[in-house]
Protein backbone atom coordinates (compact mmCIF):
# COMPACT_ATOMS: atom_id res chain seq x y z
CA MET A 1 -27.73 -26.71 0.79
CA ALA A 2 -26.00 -25.89 4.05
CA GLY A 3 -27.07 -22.59 5.57
CA ALA A 4 -25.04 -19.79 7.07
CA ARG A 5 -25.12 -19.95 10.86
CA LEU A 6 -24.45 -17.20 13.38
CA LEU A 7 -21.61 -18.28 15.67
CA ASP A 8 -21.42 -17.68 19.40
CA GLY A 9 -18.96 -18.00 22.23
CA ARG A 10 -19.04 -21.79 22.20
CA ASP A 11 -17.50 -21.69 18.73
CA LEU A 12 -14.62 -19.39 19.69
CA PRO A 13 -11.80 -21.98 19.96
CA GLU A 14 -12.57 -23.36 16.49
CA VAL A 15 -12.85 -19.88 14.97
CA LEU A 16 -9.53 -18.78 16.48
CA GLY A 17 -7.93 -21.89 15.00
CA LEU A 18 -9.31 -21.08 11.55
CA LEU A 19 -8.10 -17.47 11.78
CA GLU A 20 -4.66 -18.61 12.90
CA ALA A 21 -4.34 -20.84 9.83
CA ASP A 22 -3.86 -17.74 7.67
CA PRO A 23 -3.02 -14.90 10.06
CA VAL A 24 -2.16 -12.30 7.40
CA ALA A 25 -5.35 -12.72 5.35
CA SER A 26 -7.42 -12.95 8.56
CA CYS A 27 -5.90 -9.97 10.39
CA MET A 28 -8.90 -7.63 10.13
CA VAL A 29 -11.25 -10.22 11.64
CA ALA A 30 -8.78 -11.73 14.11
CA ALA A 31 -8.04 -8.28 15.54
CA ARG A 32 -11.70 -8.00 16.55
CA VAL A 33 -12.38 -11.60 17.58
CA GLU A 34 -9.29 -11.89 19.79
CA VAL A 35 -10.47 -8.89 21.83
CA ALA A 36 -14.25 -9.19 21.73
CA GLY A 37 -14.95 -12.88 21.17
CA LEU A 38 -18.01 -13.71 19.09
CA ASP A 39 -20.65 -11.67 20.90
CA PRO A 40 -22.13 -9.45 18.14
CA TRP A 41 -22.60 -6.43 20.42
CA ARG A 42 -18.98 -6.43 21.61
CA LEU A 43 -17.65 -7.48 18.20
CA GLY A 44 -19.46 -4.79 16.23
CA GLY A 45 -20.65 -7.42 13.79
CA GLU A 46 -21.45 -11.08 13.33
CA VAL A 47 -19.36 -14.10 12.38
CA TRP A 48 -21.08 -16.65 10.18
CA ALA A 49 -20.06 -20.18 9.32
CA CYS A 50 -21.34 -22.55 6.69
CA ASP A 51 -21.19 -26.11 7.87
CA HIS A 52 -23.10 -29.35 7.54
CA ARG A 53 -23.20 -30.01 11.26
CA ALA A 54 -22.63 -27.88 14.33
CA LEU A 55 -19.25 -26.21 14.07
CA ARG A 56 -18.02 -27.83 17.24
CA GLY A 57 -16.43 -30.94 15.77
CA GLY A 58 -18.04 -30.41 12.37
CA ARG A 59 -16.58 -29.53 8.99
CA VAL A 60 -16.53 -25.81 8.21
CA ASP A 61 -17.00 -24.94 4.55
CA GLY A 62 -16.97 -21.18 5.05
CA LEU A 63 -16.34 -18.31 7.45
CA CYS A 64 -17.52 -14.72 7.04
CA PHE A 65 -17.52 -11.53 9.15
CA ALA A 66 -20.49 -9.19 8.67
CA GLY A 67 -19.97 -5.75 10.16
CA PRO A 68 -18.88 -2.35 8.80
CA ASN A 69 -17.28 -4.43 6.04
CA LEU A 70 -18.43 -7.82 4.78
CA ILE A 71 -15.33 -10.05 4.91
CA PRO A 72 -15.63 -13.60 3.54
CA LEU A 73 -12.48 -15.37 4.70
CA ARG A 74 -13.12 -18.80 3.29
CA GLY A 75 -15.89 -20.46 1.38
CA ASN A 76 -16.61 -22.82 -1.47
CA PRO A 77 -19.41 -21.84 -3.92
CA THR A 78 -22.06 -23.42 -1.72
CA ALA A 79 -20.85 -21.50 1.33
CA LEU A 80 -20.74 -18.22 -0.59
CA ARG A 81 -24.31 -18.72 -1.75
CA SER A 82 -25.40 -19.28 1.85
CA PHE A 83 -23.58 -16.12 2.95
CA ALA A 84 -25.23 -14.18 0.15
CA ASP A 85 -28.65 -15.46 1.22
CA ARG A 86 -28.09 -14.38 4.80
CA ALA A 87 -26.64 -11.01 3.73
CA ARG A 88 -29.67 -10.32 1.53
CA ARG A 89 -32.06 -11.11 4.38
CA ARG A 90 -30.07 -8.88 6.71
CA GLY A 91 -29.90 -6.03 4.20
CA ARG A 92 -26.77 -4.22 3.11
CA MET A 93 -25.21 -2.68 6.22
CA CYS A 94 -21.61 -2.59 4.99
CA SER A 95 -19.61 -0.02 3.03
CA SER A 96 -17.59 -2.66 1.19
CA LEU A 97 -16.81 -6.30 0.59
CA VAL A 98 -13.13 -6.93 1.26
CA GLY A 99 -10.86 -9.92 1.79
CA PRO A 100 -9.36 -12.83 -0.14
CA ALA A 101 -10.10 -12.20 -3.81
CA GLU A 102 -11.60 -15.58 -4.64
CA GLN A 103 -14.14 -15.33 -1.83
CA VAL A 104 -14.94 -11.64 -2.31
CA LEU A 105 -15.49 -11.93 -6.05
CA GLY A 106 -17.48 -15.13 -5.64
CA LEU A 107 -19.71 -13.55 -3.00
CA TRP A 108 -20.14 -10.43 -5.12
CA GLN A 109 -21.26 -12.55 -8.06
CA GLU A 110 -24.06 -13.83 -5.84
CA LEU A 111 -24.98 -10.43 -4.39
CA GLN A 112 -24.60 -8.23 -7.45
CA PRO A 113 -28.14 -8.75 -8.82
CA ASP A 114 -29.56 -7.39 -5.55
CA TRP A 115 -26.85 -5.05 -4.26
CA GLY A 116 -25.35 -3.81 -7.52
CA PRO A 117 -24.12 -1.86 -9.17
CA ALA A 118 -21.01 -1.30 -7.08
CA ARG A 119 -19.32 2.08 -7.07
CA GLU A 120 -16.05 0.32 -7.85
CA VAL A 121 -14.67 -3.24 -7.97
CA ARG A 122 -10.96 -3.61 -7.26
CA ASP A 123 -10.28 -7.19 -8.23
CA ASP A 124 -6.46 -7.13 -8.14
CA GLN A 125 -4.98 -6.17 -4.78
CA PRO A 126 -1.78 -8.02 -3.87
CA LEU A 127 -1.62 -8.85 -0.15
CA MET A 128 1.95 -8.31 1.06
CA ALA A 129 3.78 -9.13 4.28
CA LEU A 130 7.09 -8.50 6.02
CA GLY A 131 8.16 -10.61 8.98
CA ARG A 132 11.65 -9.16 9.58
CA GLY A 133 13.34 -5.80 9.70
CA PRO A 134 13.01 -3.67 6.53
CA ASP A 135 15.63 -3.66 3.78
CA VAL A 136 15.77 0.14 3.66
CA GLU A 137 16.71 2.52 6.46
CA PRO A 138 13.57 3.61 8.33
CA ASP A 139 12.89 7.34 8.36
CA PRO A 140 13.83 8.51 11.88
CA LEU A 141 11.43 11.47 11.62
CA VAL A 142 8.35 9.25 11.41
CA ARG A 143 6.73 8.93 14.83
CA PRO A 144 3.37 8.25 16.47
CA VAL A 145 0.96 11.16 16.26
CA ARG A 146 0.15 12.76 19.61
CA PRO A 147 -3.48 13.35 20.66
CA GLU A 148 -3.02 17.12 20.65
CA GLU A 149 -1.94 16.91 16.98
CA LEU A 150 -5.31 15.56 15.77
CA ASP A 151 -6.32 18.81 14.06
CA ARG A 152 -3.02 18.95 12.16
CA TYR A 153 -3.19 15.29 11.19
CA LEU A 154 -6.85 15.15 10.20
CA PRO A 155 -6.63 17.15 6.93
CA ALA A 156 -4.00 14.72 5.62
CA ALA A 157 -6.15 11.75 6.65
CA ILE A 158 -9.17 13.23 4.86
CA ALA A 159 -7.10 13.95 1.72
CA MET A 160 -5.83 10.36 1.71
CA PHE A 161 -9.35 8.95 2.13
CA ILE A 162 -10.76 10.99 -0.74
CA GLU A 163 -7.83 10.05 -2.98
CA GLU A 164 -7.93 6.35 -2.11
CA VAL A 165 -11.62 5.59 -1.59
CA GLY A 166 -13.13 8.21 -3.87
CA VAL A 167 -15.60 9.71 -1.39
CA ASP A 168 -15.39 12.44 1.24
CA PRO A 169 -15.52 10.89 4.76
CA CYS A 170 -16.97 14.17 6.04
CA ALA A 171 -19.96 14.16 3.67
CA GLU A 172 -22.47 12.29 5.85
CA ASP A 173 -22.16 13.78 9.33
CA GLY A 174 -19.76 16.65 8.89
CA GLY A 175 -16.86 14.32 9.57
CA ALA A 176 -17.74 13.50 13.19
CA SER A 177 -17.52 9.71 12.73
CA TYR A 178 -14.29 9.87 10.76
CA ARG A 179 -12.74 12.27 13.24
CA ALA A 180 -13.65 9.89 16.07
CA ARG A 181 -12.08 6.96 14.21
CA VAL A 182 -8.85 8.86 13.55
CA SER A 183 -8.78 10.07 17.15
CA GLU A 184 -9.12 6.46 18.30
CA LEU A 185 -6.17 5.38 16.15
CA ILE A 186 -4.05 8.23 17.51
CA ALA A 187 -4.97 7.40 21.11
CA GLY A 188 -3.97 3.78 20.46
CA GLY A 189 -0.55 4.80 19.15
CA ARG A 190 -1.43 3.48 15.70
CA ALA A 191 -1.26 6.67 13.61
CA PHE A 192 2.15 7.72 12.31
CA ALA A 193 3.36 10.83 10.55
CA ARG A 194 6.34 12.84 9.47
CA PHE A 195 5.81 16.51 10.25
CA GLU A 196 7.69 19.33 8.56
CA GLY A 197 7.07 22.83 9.82
CA GLY A 198 3.97 21.59 11.57
CA ASP A 199 2.51 20.09 8.39
CA VAL A 200 2.05 16.38 7.64
CA VAL A 201 4.12 15.25 4.66
CA PHE A 202 3.65 11.51 5.29
CA LYS A 203 1.01 9.54 7.15
CA ALA A 204 0.01 5.93 7.69
CA GLU A 205 -1.92 3.93 10.24
CA ILE A 206 -2.00 0.43 11.65
CA GLY A 207 -5.66 -0.11 10.86
CA ALA A 208 -5.99 -3.59 12.36
CA MET A 209 -3.67 -5.43 14.72
CA SER A 210 -4.07 -9.01 15.86
CA SER A 211 -1.75 -10.89 18.18
CA LYS A 212 0.44 -11.84 15.20
CA VAL A 213 -0.10 -9.29 12.40
CA GLY A 214 -0.51 -5.56 11.97
CA GLN A 215 -2.11 -4.25 8.79
CA ILE A 216 -0.80 -0.92 7.52
CA GLN A 217 -3.36 1.31 5.82
CA GLY A 218 -3.81 4.89 4.63
CA VAL A 219 -0.26 5.36 3.35
CA TRP A 220 -0.07 8.90 1.96
CA VAL A 221 2.60 11.38 0.92
CA ARG A 222 1.73 15.03 0.34
CA PRO A 223 1.48 15.47 -3.45
CA ASP A 224 4.25 18.07 -3.72
CA ARG A 225 6.69 15.73 -1.94
CA ARG A 226 6.06 12.61 -4.01
CA GLY A 227 8.81 11.01 -6.05
CA ALA A 228 11.57 11.86 -3.56
CA GLY A 229 11.61 8.54 -1.69
CA ILE A 230 9.87 9.88 1.42
CA GLY A 231 7.12 7.27 1.27
CA THR A 232 9.49 4.30 1.07
CA ALA A 233 11.62 5.20 4.08
CA ALA A 234 8.58 6.38 6.05
CA THR A 235 6.57 3.21 5.40
CA ALA A 236 9.66 1.22 6.38
CA ALA A 237 9.57 3.05 9.72
CA VAL A 238 5.97 1.96 10.36
CA ALA A 239 6.78 -1.61 9.32
CA ASP A 240 9.84 -1.58 11.58
CA ARG A 241 7.69 -0.44 14.50
CA LEU A 242 5.38 -3.39 13.90
CA VAL A 243 8.06 -6.02 13.40
CA ARG A 244 10.77 -5.02 15.84
CA GLY A 245 8.77 -2.86 18.21
CA LEU A 246 5.54 -4.82 18.52
CA GLY A 247 6.60 -8.33 17.50
CA ARG A 248 4.10 -8.59 14.64
CA THR A 249 4.29 -9.38 10.96
CA ALA A 250 3.67 -6.19 9.00
CA SER A 251 1.13 -6.50 6.20
CA LEU A 252 -0.73 -4.34 3.69
CA TYR A 253 -2.64 -4.67 0.47
CA VAL A 254 -2.24 -2.44 -2.55
CA ASN A 255 -4.05 -1.87 -5.82
CA GLY A 256 -2.44 -3.94 -8.54
CA TYR A 257 -2.31 -0.97 -10.92
CA ASN A 258 -0.28 1.12 -8.45
CA GLU A 259 3.10 -0.03 -9.68
CA VAL A 260 4.94 2.82 -7.94
CA ALA A 261 3.65 1.77 -4.53
CA ARG A 262 4.19 -1.93 -5.23
CA ALA A 263 7.81 -1.26 -6.20
CA ALA A 264 8.34 0.79 -3.03
CA TYR A 265 6.94 -1.99 -0.85
CA ARG A 266 9.17 -4.55 -2.58
CA ARG A 267 12.21 -2.35 -1.88
CA ILE A 268 11.25 -2.31 1.79
CA GLY A 269 11.19 -6.13 1.74
CA PHE A 270 7.48 -6.91 1.50
CA THR A 271 6.59 -10.01 -0.50
CA GLN A 272 3.22 -11.02 -1.88
CA VAL A 273 1.51 -13.70 0.22
CA GLY A 274 -2.02 -13.59 -1.16
CA GLN A 275 -4.54 -11.73 -3.25
CA TYR A 276 -7.27 -9.42 -1.97
CA ALA A 277 -10.22 -7.79 -3.69
CA THR A 278 -12.53 -4.96 -2.63
CA VAL A 279 -16.04 -4.05 -3.75
CA LEU A 280 -16.91 -0.45 -2.81
CA PHE A 281 -20.47 0.85 -2.42
């Protein structure tokens, strides 16, 4: 059986070509690799391939990123077994498995006897994309969050995280790591909000941005303002910033059971282009 191999800088052109073949599904990994290359220290993780010969000129049967999340981007059953073997030897260092559903669920089937049980398996997450201006009028009050607004924005970000992920991001270290991550997104101009009276009533972030795609995450409307259409127009504003402002395709993935959100994204103009799955630990 072919083994999983750690890639290095010599493999970068081939890896970039593989990521470019499906830029929406690959956005989370491409955003890192395009900036940091394949050096694990700079990348904040490792990129593995499963191939029968050296990648350079060889046939690649699988590609996987192992970092804060374990992201299998492609892989037949043999490749997924090899990734599982390497992941078991490395030990679980990730908070989730996420990515194309077929690969994630196949990899989880291999890892579950050792890493299970999972806290939650979300096996139906439509991956959606928008490559043109939105079909609804963007909310003009949605804007990038300013660095000095971190303390006003952070409670909304924490509330969204607890609601969406099911755990408190402040539980482990008093919130220092999560605060730093949110601060980084704000400093990069990738956190957006609508403020009313100094309070956040809508928030969203561009969590990953490659040269071609930006992935919207953390979409949240304050509970007492839901059902009034705020989220649709506000999300359209973030998508519009990506498409017309930054020249990227806007993408996101959503839980299949969240029909309200799926309908809102369809009204904006998003269409389903793939299927994601997430395994949460």
